[in-house]
Amino acid sequence: MMDTLRPPDEQKIAEALDFIRSFSSVIIGSVSKSGEPHTSYAPYITDSNKLYIYVSALAQHASTLKNGTASLFFIEDEQQAKNIFARRRLNLNCRVSSLKKSDPRYDRLLDTLQSKHGSTVKLLRTLPDFMLFELDPERATFVTGFGAAYDLSEFMIELLGTAK
């Protein structure tokens, strides 16, 4: 697939940035240690070219994220799509790590998450089972229609650095 991807022009990079900005949550694909796939979602924030999610350690996606890789998926709403077979979508393949509460960034990131996503985060911060995961994109693809797939991997810093 990577060899069929086009290099993006500035307009496609800007379109991808606007696309990412239009979402408050992201679909997460991950795999268990035994190879069982799992799909979920979580609200997210970006900071320093990475994405962050805050999820319960009791949830299945937390255990699969601990395996160190995930695929993040942003997809155009069906109602907005011109063609159901060609919905715009952006996929990020990421390395995943969890941040310890002692990490100097931890409280600042949760403050940002709370600022973006509201008072529910304030409640979740009081629960002992919630974990903060850092998702560091390594590869990015953006599909805007039939035969229009772009490799945005080298532009991730630009995209996520300004995607707040």
N, C-alpha and C. Protein backbone atom coordinates (compact mmCIF):
# COMPACT_ATOMS: atom_id res chain seq x y z
N MET A 1 0.82 -1.20 0.00
CA MET A 1 0.00 0.00 0.00
C MET A 1 0.86 1.25 0.00
N MET A 2 1.96 1.23 0.76
CA MET A 2 2.78 2.44 0.86
C MET A 2 3.31 2.89 -0.50
N ASP A 3 3.55 1.95 -1.42
CA ASP A 3 4.09 2.34 -2.73
C ASP A 3 3.02 2.95 -3.63
N THR A 4 1.74 2.86 -3.25
CA THR A 4 0.69 3.47 -4.05
C THR A 4 0.27 4.84 -3.52
N LEU A 5 0.90 5.26 -2.44
CA LEU A 5 0.55 6.55 -1.85
C LEU A 5 1.25 7.69 -2.58
N ARG A 6 0.53 8.79 -2.73
CA ARG A 6 1.07 9.98 -3.37
C ARG A 6 1.75 10.87 -2.33
N PRO A 7 2.73 11.66 -2.76
CA PRO A 7 3.25 12.69 -1.86
C PRO A 7 2.22 13.83 -1.81
N PRO A 8 1.98 14.39 -0.63
CA PRO A 8 0.97 15.46 -0.54
C PRO A 8 1.54 16.81 -0.93
N ASP A 9 0.67 17.67 -1.45
CA ASP A 9 1.07 19.06 -1.64
C ASP A 9 0.61 19.85 -0.42
N GLU A 10 0.91 21.14 -0.40
CA GLU A 10 0.56 21.97 0.77
C GLU A 10 -0.94 21.98 1.03
N GLN A 11 -1.74 21.94 -0.04
CA GLN A 11 -3.19 21.95 0.12
C GLN A 11 -3.66 20.68 0.84
N LYS A 12 -3.10 19.52 0.51
CA LYS A 12 -3.49 18.26 1.16
C LYS A 12 -3.04 18.24 2.62
N ILE A 13 -1.89 18.80 2.90
CA ILE A 13 -1.41 18.87 4.29
C ILE A 13 -2.36 19.75 5.11
N ALA A 14 -2.76 20.89 4.55
CA ALA A 14 -3.70 21.78 5.24
C ALA A 14 -5.06 21.10 5.42
N GLU A 15 -5.50 20.37 4.42
CA GLU A 15 -6.77 19.64 4.51
C GLU A 15 -6.69 18.58 5.61
N ALA A 16 -5.57 17.87 5.70
CA ALA A 16 -5.40 16.86 6.75
C ALA A 16 -5.42 17.51 8.13
N LEU A 17 -4.80 18.65 8.26
CA LEU A 17 -4.79 19.36 9.53
C LEU A 17 -6.20 19.76 9.92
N ASP A 18 -6.96 20.34 9.00
CA ASP A 18 -8.35 20.70 9.28
C ASP A 18 -9.18 19.47 9.64
N PHE A 19 -8.90 18.37 8.97
CA PHE A 19 -9.62 17.13 9.21
C PHE A 19 -9.37 16.64 10.65
N ILE A 20 -8.11 16.58 11.07
CA ILE A 20 -7.78 16.15 12.43
C ILE A 20 -8.42 17.09 13.46
N ARG A 21 -8.36 18.37 13.20
CA ARG A 21 -8.93 19.37 14.12
C ARG A 21 -10.44 19.22 14.30
N SER A 22 -11.10 18.60 13.35
CA SER A 22 -12.56 18.48 13.41
C SER A 22 -13.01 17.38 14.38
N PHE A 23 -12.09 16.62 14.95
CA PHE A 23 -12.43 15.52 15.84
C PHE A 23 -12.05 15.82 17.29
N SER A 24 -12.87 15.32 18.20
CA SER A 24 -12.55 15.38 19.63
C SER A 24 -12.13 14.02 20.16
N SER A 25 -12.45 12.97 19.41
CA SER A 25 -12.08 11.62 19.81
C SER A 25 -11.51 10.88 18.60
N VAL A 26 -10.87 9.75 18.89
CA VAL A 26 -10.23 8.98 17.84
C VAL A 26 -10.57 7.50 18.02
N ILE A 27 -10.71 6.78 16.93
CA ILE A 27 -10.92 5.34 16.95
C ILE A 27 -9.54 4.69 17.10
N ILE A 28 -9.48 3.71 18.01
CA ILE A 28 -8.20 3.07 18.34
C ILE A 28 -8.27 1.59 17.97
N GLY A 29 -7.33 1.14 17.16
CA GLY A 29 -7.18 -0.27 16.86
C GLY A 29 -5.93 -0.79 17.54
N SER A 30 -6.06 -1.91 18.26
CA SER A 30 -4.92 -2.49 18.94
C SER A 30 -5.08 -4.01 18.96
N VAL A 31 -4.05 -4.70 19.43
CA VAL A 31 -4.04 -6.16 19.40
C VAL A 31 -3.59 -6.68 20.76
N SER A 32 -4.26 -7.72 21.24
CA SER A 32 -3.88 -8.33 22.52
C SER A 32 -2.60 -9.14 22.35
N LYS A 33 -2.02 -9.56 23.46
CA LYS A 33 -0.80 -10.38 23.41
C LYS A 33 -1.03 -11.68 22.65
N SER A 34 -2.26 -12.18 22.67
CA SER A 34 -2.57 -13.42 21.96
C SER A 34 -2.95 -13.19 20.51
N GLY A 35 -2.91 -11.91 20.07
CA GLY A 35 -3.19 -11.59 18.66
C GLY A 35 -4.63 -11.26 18.36
N GLU A 36 -5.47 -11.13 19.38
CA GLU A 36 -6.87 -10.80 19.17
C GLU A 36 -7.02 -9.30 18.94
N PRO A 37 -7.64 -8.90 17.83
CA PRO A 37 -7.81 -7.47 17.55
C PRO A 37 -8.87 -6.86 18.45
N HIS A 38 -8.71 -5.58 18.71
CA HIS A 38 -9.67 -4.84 19.51
C HIS A 38 -9.79 -3.42 18.96
N THR A 39 -11.02 -2.93 18.90
CA THR A 39 -11.28 -1.56 18.45
C THR A 39 -12.05 -0.83 19.53
N SER A 40 -11.66 0.41 19.77
CA SER A 40 -12.33 1.23 20.75
C SER A 40 -12.20 2.69 20.31
N TYR A 41 -12.44 3.60 21.23
CA TYR A 41 -12.24 5.02 20.94
C TYR A 41 -11.93 5.72 22.25
N ALA A 42 -11.41 6.92 22.14
CA ALA A 42 -11.19 7.75 23.32
C ALA A 42 -11.06 9.20 22.89
N PRO A 43 -11.50 10.13 23.74
CA PRO A 43 -11.18 11.52 23.52
C PRO A 43 -9.65 11.68 23.56
N TYR A 44 -9.13 12.65 22.85
CA TYR A 44 -7.68 12.82 22.78
C TYR A 44 -7.31 14.29 22.81
N ILE A 45 -6.02 14.51 23.07
CA ILE A 45 -5.40 15.82 22.88
C ILE A 45 -4.08 15.60 22.16
N THR A 46 -3.53 16.67 21.60
CA THR A 46 -2.18 16.61 21.04
C THR A 46 -1.29 17.55 21.84
N ASP A 47 -0.02 17.17 21.90
CA ASP A 47 0.98 18.00 22.58
C ASP A 47 2.35 17.52 22.12
N SER A 48 3.19 18.45 21.73
CA SER A 48 4.56 18.12 21.31
C SER A 48 4.59 16.98 20.30
N ASN A 49 3.71 17.07 19.30
CA ASN A 49 3.69 16.15 18.17
C ASN A 49 3.25 14.73 18.51
N LYS A 50 2.59 14.58 19.65
CA LYS A 50 2.09 13.27 20.06
C LYS A 50 0.63 13.43 20.46
N LEU A 51 -0.08 12.30 20.50
CA LEU A 51 -1.46 12.31 20.98
C LEU A 51 -1.50 11.66 22.34
N TYR A 52 -2.48 12.06 23.14
CA TYR A 52 -2.63 11.53 24.49
C TYR A 52 -4.08 11.16 24.74
N ILE A 53 -4.28 10.01 25.37
CA ILE A 53 -5.61 9.57 25.76
C ILE A 53 -5.57 9.15 27.22
N TYR A 54 -6.70 9.25 27.87
CA TYR A 54 -6.82 8.93 29.30
C TYR A 54 -7.92 7.90 29.43
N VAL A 55 -7.55 6.66 29.76
CA VAL A 55 -8.53 5.57 29.78
C VAL A 55 -8.36 4.72 31.04
N SER A 56 -9.41 4.00 31.37
CA SER A 56 -9.39 3.13 32.54
C SER A 56 -8.52 1.90 32.28
N ALA A 57 -7.71 1.56 33.26
CA ALA A 57 -6.89 0.34 33.17
C ALA A 57 -7.78 -0.90 33.17
N LEU A 58 -9.03 -0.76 33.56
CA LEU A 58 -9.96 -1.88 33.57
C LEU A 58 -10.54 -2.17 32.19
N ALA A 59 -10.41 -1.21 31.29
CA ALA A 59 -10.95 -1.36 29.93
C ALA A 59 -10.02 -2.23 29.09
N GLN A 60 -10.62 -2.98 28.17
CA GLN A 60 -9.82 -3.88 27.33
C GLN A 60 -8.78 -3.12 26.52
N HIS A 61 -9.12 -1.93 26.03
CA HIS A 61 -8.14 -1.23 25.20
C HIS A 61 -6.90 -0.81 26.00
N ALA A 62 -7.02 -0.63 27.30
CA ALA A 62 -5.83 -0.30 28.09
C ALA A 62 -4.85 -1.46 28.08
N SER A 63 -5.35 -2.68 28.23
CA SER A 63 -4.43 -3.82 28.24
C SER A 63 -3.80 -4.04 26.87
N THR A 64 -4.54 -3.80 25.80
CA THR A 64 -3.95 -3.97 24.46
C THR A 64 -2.98 -2.84 24.13
N LEU A 65 -3.24 -1.64 24.62
CA LEU A 65 -2.32 -0.52 24.39
C LEU A 65 -0.97 -0.75 25.06
N LYS A 66 -0.98 -1.48 26.16
CA LYS A 66 0.26 -1.77 26.87
C LYS A 66 1.21 -2.62 26.03
N ASN A 67 0.73 -3.19 24.94
CA ASN A 67 1.59 -3.97 24.04
C ASN A 67 2.50 -3.08 23.21
N GLY A 68 2.26 -1.78 23.20
CA GLY A 68 3.21 -0.84 22.61
C GLY A 68 2.93 -0.32 21.22
N THR A 69 1.85 -0.79 20.58
CA THR A 69 1.50 -0.25 19.26
C THR A 69 0.00 -0.08 19.16
N ALA A 70 -0.40 0.85 18.31
CA ALA A 70 -1.82 1.07 18.04
C ALA A 70 -1.97 1.78 16.70
N SER A 71 -3.14 1.64 16.15
CA SER A 71 -3.50 2.36 14.94
C SER A 71 -4.63 3.31 15.32
N LEU A 72 -4.46 4.58 15.00
CA LEU A 72 -5.49 5.58 15.26
C LEU A 72 -6.19 5.91 13.95
N PHE A 73 -7.51 6.04 14.01
CA PHE A 73 -8.30 6.18 12.80
C PHE A 73 -9.30 7.32 12.96
N PHE A 74 -9.21 8.27 12.05
CA PHE A 74 -10.16 9.37 11.96
C PHE A 74 -10.92 9.16 10.66
N ILE A 75 -12.26 9.17 10.70
CA ILE A 75 -13.03 8.93 9.47
C ILE A 75 -14.21 9.89 9.39
N GLU A 76 -14.43 10.36 8.19
CA GLU A 76 -15.52 11.29 7.90
C GLU A 76 -16.86 10.67 8.28
N ASP A 77 -17.74 11.46 8.85
CA ASP A 77 -19.09 11.01 9.18
C ASP A 77 -19.81 10.56 7.92
N GLU A 78 -20.55 9.48 8.03
CA GLU A 78 -21.29 8.95 6.88
C GLU A 78 -22.24 9.99 6.29
N GLN A 79 -22.86 10.78 7.14
CA GLN A 79 -23.83 11.77 6.67
C GLN A 79 -23.17 12.89 5.87
N GLN A 80 -21.89 13.12 6.11
CA GLN A 80 -21.16 14.18 5.42
C GLN A 80 -20.49 13.69 4.14
N ALA A 81 -20.33 12.39 4.00
CA ALA A 81 -19.59 11.83 2.87
C ALA A 81 -20.36 11.98 1.57
N LYS A 82 -19.63 12.33 0.52
CA LYS A 82 -20.24 12.42 -0.81
C LYS A 82 -20.52 11.02 -1.35
N ASN A 83 -19.66 10.06 -0.96
CA ASN A 83 -19.81 8.68 -1.41
C ASN A 83 -19.40 7.76 -0.26
N ILE A 84 -20.27 6.87 0.14
CA ILE A 84 -20.01 6.00 1.28
C ILE A 84 -18.77 5.11 1.07
N PHE A 85 -18.41 4.85 -0.17
CA PHE A 85 -17.24 4.03 -0.48
C PHE A 85 -15.94 4.82 -0.46
N ALA A 86 -16.05 6.13 -0.38
CA ALA A 86 -14.84 6.96 -0.48
C ALA A 86 -14.81 8.01 0.62
N ARG A 87 -15.15 7.60 1.83
CA ARG A 87 -15.11 8.55 2.95
C ARG A 87 -13.67 8.99 3.21
N ARG A 88 -13.49 10.27 3.51
CA ARG A 88 -12.15 10.76 3.88
C ARG A 88 -11.75 10.11 5.19
N ARG A 89 -10.46 9.74 5.28
CA ARG A 89 -9.97 9.09 6.48
C ARG A 89 -8.48 9.30 6.63
N LEU A 90 -8.05 9.33 7.88
CA LEU A 90 -6.64 9.49 8.19
C LEU A 90 -6.27 8.42 9.21
N ASN A 91 -5.19 7.71 8.93
CA ASN A 91 -4.73 6.63 9.79
C ASN A 91 -3.33 6.93 10.29
N LEU A 92 -3.12 6.76 11.59
CA LEU A 92 -1.80 6.95 12.21
C LEU A 92 -1.37 5.64 12.86
N ASN A 93 -0.23 5.12 12.47
CA ASN A 93 0.36 3.98 13.17
C ASN A 93 1.30 4.54 14.22
N CYS A 94 1.09 4.12 15.48
CA CYS A 94 1.78 4.76 16.60
C CYS A 94 2.50 3.76 17.49
N ARG A 95 3.58 4.26 18.10
CA ARG A 95 4.18 3.60 19.26
C ARG A 95 3.42 4.11 20.47
N VAL A 96 3.19 3.24 21.45
CA VAL A 96 2.40 3.61 22.61
C VAL A 96 3.19 3.37 23.88
N SER A 97 3.09 4.33 24.80
CA SER A 97 3.66 4.14 26.14
C SER A 97 2.73 4.81 27.15
N SER A 98 2.81 4.36 28.39
CA SER A 98 1.99 4.99 29.42
C SER A 98 2.87 5.96 30.21
N LEU A 99 2.25 7.04 30.66
CA LEU A 99 2.97 8.02 31.48
C LEU A 99 2.65 7.76 32.95
N LYS A 100 3.66 7.75 33.74
CA LYS A 100 3.48 7.60 35.18
C LYS A 100 3.03 8.93 35.77
N LYS A 101 2.30 8.86 36.89
CA LYS A 101 1.83 10.08 37.55
C LYS A 101 2.98 10.96 37.99
N SER A 102 4.16 10.37 38.16
CA SER A 102 5.34 11.15 38.57
C SER A 102 6.00 11.89 37.41
N ASP A 103 5.57 11.60 36.17
CA ASP A 103 6.12 12.29 35.00
C ASP A 103 5.79 13.78 35.12
N PRO A 104 6.77 14.66 34.90
CA PRO A 104 6.52 16.10 35.04
C PRO A 104 5.45 16.64 34.09
N ARG A 105 5.16 15.93 33.00
CA ARG A 105 4.14 16.39 32.04
C ARG A 105 2.73 15.95 32.42
N TYR A 106 2.62 14.98 33.32
CA TYR A 106 1.36 14.31 33.61
C TYR A 106 0.23 15.29 33.97
N ASP A 107 0.41 16.10 34.99
CA ASP A 107 -0.66 17.02 35.41
C ASP A 107 -0.97 18.07 34.35
N ARG A 108 0.05 18.57 33.68
CA ARG A 108 -0.17 19.57 32.63
C ARG A 108 -1.01 18.98 31.50
N LEU A 109 -0.71 17.74 31.11
CA LEU A 109 -1.48 17.09 30.04
C LEU A 109 -2.92 16.84 30.45
N LEU A 110 -3.13 16.42 31.69
CA LEU A 110 -4.50 16.22 32.17
C LEU A 110 -5.25 17.55 32.28
N ASP A 111 -4.55 18.61 32.63
CA ASP A 111 -5.17 19.94 32.63
C ASP A 111 -5.62 20.32 31.23
N THR A 112 -4.79 20.03 30.24
CA THR A 112 -5.15 20.30 28.84
C THR A 112 -6.34 19.45 28.42
N LEU A 113 -6.31 18.17 28.79
CA LEU A 113 -7.43 17.27 28.47
C LEU A 113 -8.72 17.79 29.11
N GLN A 114 -8.64 18.23 30.35
CA GLN A 114 -9.81 18.75 31.04
C GLN A 114 -10.30 20.04 30.40
N SER A 115 -9.39 20.89 30.01
CA SER A 115 -9.76 22.14 29.35
C SER A 115 -10.49 21.87 28.03
N LYS A 116 -10.03 20.88 27.30
CA LYS A 116 -10.64 20.56 26.00
C LYS A 116 -11.93 19.76 26.13
N HIS A 117 -11.98 18.82 27.09
CA HIS A 117 -13.09 17.87 27.13
C HIS A 117 -14.02 18.02 28.32
N GLY A 118 -13.76 18.97 29.21
CA GLY A 118 -14.73 19.29 30.23
C GLY A 118 -14.57 18.61 31.57
N SER A 119 -15.60 18.81 32.39
CA SER A 119 -15.55 18.43 33.80
C SER A 119 -15.52 16.93 34.05
N THR A 120 -15.89 16.11 33.09
CA THR A 120 -15.79 14.67 33.30
C THR A 120 -14.35 14.27 33.60
N VAL A 121 -13.41 14.95 32.97
CA VAL A 121 -11.99 14.66 33.22
C VAL A 121 -11.65 14.92 34.68
N LYS A 122 -12.22 15.96 35.26
CA LYS A 122 -11.99 16.27 36.67
C LYS A 122 -12.41 15.08 37.54
N LEU A 123 -13.54 14.49 37.24
CA LEU A 123 -14.00 13.31 37.98
C LEU A 123 -13.08 12.12 37.73
N LEU A 124 -12.73 11.88 36.48
CA LEU A 124 -11.88 10.72 36.14
C LEU A 124 -10.52 10.80 36.83
N ARG A 125 -10.03 12.01 37.03
CA ARG A 125 -8.72 12.19 37.69
C ARG A 125 -8.74 11.68 39.13
N THR A 126 -9.91 11.58 39.72
CA THR A 126 -10.02 11.09 41.11
C THR A 126 -10.05 9.56 41.17
N LEU A 127 -10.23 8.92 40.04
CA LEU A 127 -10.34 7.45 40.01
C LEU A 127 -8.95 6.83 39.86
N PRO A 128 -8.61 5.86 40.68
CA PRO A 128 -7.25 5.32 40.69
C PRO A 128 -6.89 4.45 39.48
N ASP A 129 -7.88 4.02 38.72
CA ASP A 129 -7.60 3.10 37.62
C ASP A 129 -7.32 3.78 36.29
N PHE A 130 -7.40 5.10 36.21
CA PHE A 130 -7.20 5.76 34.92
C PHE A 130 -5.73 5.96 34.62
N MET A 131 -5.39 5.75 33.34
CA MET A 131 -4.01 5.83 32.87
C MET A 131 -3.92 6.82 31.71
N LEU A 132 -2.80 7.50 31.64
CA LEU A 132 -2.52 8.42 30.54
C LEU A 132 -1.56 7.74 29.57
N PHE A 133 -2.00 7.59 28.32
CA PHE A 133 -1.17 6.97 27.29
C PHE A 133 -0.69 8.01 26.30
N GLU A 134 0.57 7.86 25.90
CA GLU A 134 1.19 8.69 24.87
C GLU A 134 1.26 7.87 23.60
N LEU A 135 0.75 8.44 22.51
CA LEU A 135 0.75 7.77 21.21
C LEU A 135 1.62 8.60 20.26
N ASP A 136 2.72 7.99 19.85
CA ASP A 136 3.73 8.69 19.04
C ASP A 136 3.64 8.18 17.60
N PRO A 137 3.06 8.98 16.69
CA PRO A 137 2.88 8.52 15.31
C PRO A 137 4.20 8.27 14.59
N GLU A 138 4.21 7.14 13.88
CA GLU A 138 5.37 6.78 13.06
C GLU A 138 5.04 6.82 11.57
N ARG A 139 3.78 6.56 11.24
CA ARG A 139 3.37 6.56 9.84
C ARG A 139 1.96 7.12 9.75
N ALA A 140 1.70 7.88 8.69
CA ALA A 140 0.38 8.50 8.51
C ALA A 140 -0.05 8.41 7.05
N THR A 141 -1.31 8.04 6.87
CA THR A 141 -1.89 8.04 5.53
C THR A 141 -3.21 8.80 5.57
N PHE A 142 -3.47 9.52 4.50
CA PHE A 142 -4.68 10.33 4.38
C PHE A 142 -5.33 9.98 3.05
N VAL A 143 -6.58 9.51 3.11
CA VAL A 143 -7.32 9.13 1.92
C VAL A 143 -8.46 10.13 1.75
N THR A 144 -8.51 10.75 0.57
CA THR A 144 -9.52 11.77 0.33
C THR A 144 -10.54 11.37 -0.73
N GLY A 145 -10.40 10.19 -1.28
CA GLY A 145 -11.33 9.72 -2.30
C GLY A 145 -10.74 8.57 -3.08
N PHE A 146 -11.41 8.16 -4.13
CA PHE A 146 -10.94 7.07 -4.97
C PHE A 146 -9.60 7.43 -5.59
N GLY A 147 -8.61 6.59 -5.42
CA GLY A 147 -7.29 6.81 -6.00
C GLY A 147 -6.56 8.02 -5.45
N ALA A 148 -6.98 8.51 -4.30
CA ALA A 148 -6.38 9.71 -3.72
C ALA A 148 -5.92 9.40 -2.30
N ALA A 149 -4.79 8.70 -2.20
CA ALA A 149 -4.22 8.32 -0.90
C ALA A 149 -2.84 8.96 -0.80
N TYR A 150 -2.57 9.58 0.35
CA TYR A 150 -1.35 10.37 0.52
C TYR A 150 -0.56 9.87 1.73
N ASP A 151 0.76 9.86 1.57
CA ASP A 151 1.67 9.51 2.66
C ASP A 151 2.04 10.80 3.38
N LEU A 152 1.52 10.97 4.60
CA LEU A 152 1.79 12.17 5.38
C LEU A 152 2.82 11.94 6.48
N SER A 153 3.49 10.81 6.44
CA SER A 153 4.41 10.44 7.52
C SER A 153 5.42 11.52 7.83
N GLU A 154 6.06 12.09 6.83
CA GLU A 154 7.10 13.08 7.10
C GLU A 154 6.54 14.43 7.54
N PHE A 155 5.21 14.60 7.47
CA PHE A 155 4.59 15.86 7.84
C PHE A 155 3.89 15.79 9.20
N MET A 156 4.05 14.68 9.92
CA MET A 156 3.34 14.50 11.18
C MET A 156 3.70 15.57 12.20
N ILE A 157 4.96 15.94 12.28
CA ILE A 157 5.36 16.97 13.25
C ILE A 157 4.61 18.26 12.96
N GLU A 158 4.54 18.63 11.69
CA GLU A 158 3.82 19.84 11.31
C GLU A 158 2.34 19.72 11.64
N LEU A 159 1.74 18.56 11.34
CA LEU A 159 0.33 18.36 11.58
C LEU A 159 -0.01 18.36 13.06
N LEU A 160 0.64 17.50 13.80
CA LEU A 160 0.30 17.35 15.22
C LEU A 160 0.82 18.49 16.06
N GLY A 161 1.86 19.14 15.61
CA GLY A 161 2.38 20.27 16.37
C GLY A 161 1.41 21.43 16.42
N THR A 162 0.46 21.44 15.48
CA THR A 162 -0.49 22.55 15.44
C THR A 162 -1.94 22.08 15.50
N ALA A 163 -2.18 20.81 15.81
CA ALA A 163 -3.54 20.26 15.73
C ALA A 163 -4.40 20.50 16.96
N LYS A 164 -3.90 20.95 18.03
CA LYS A 164 -4.62 21.14 19.31
C LYS A 164 -6.05 20.84 19.20
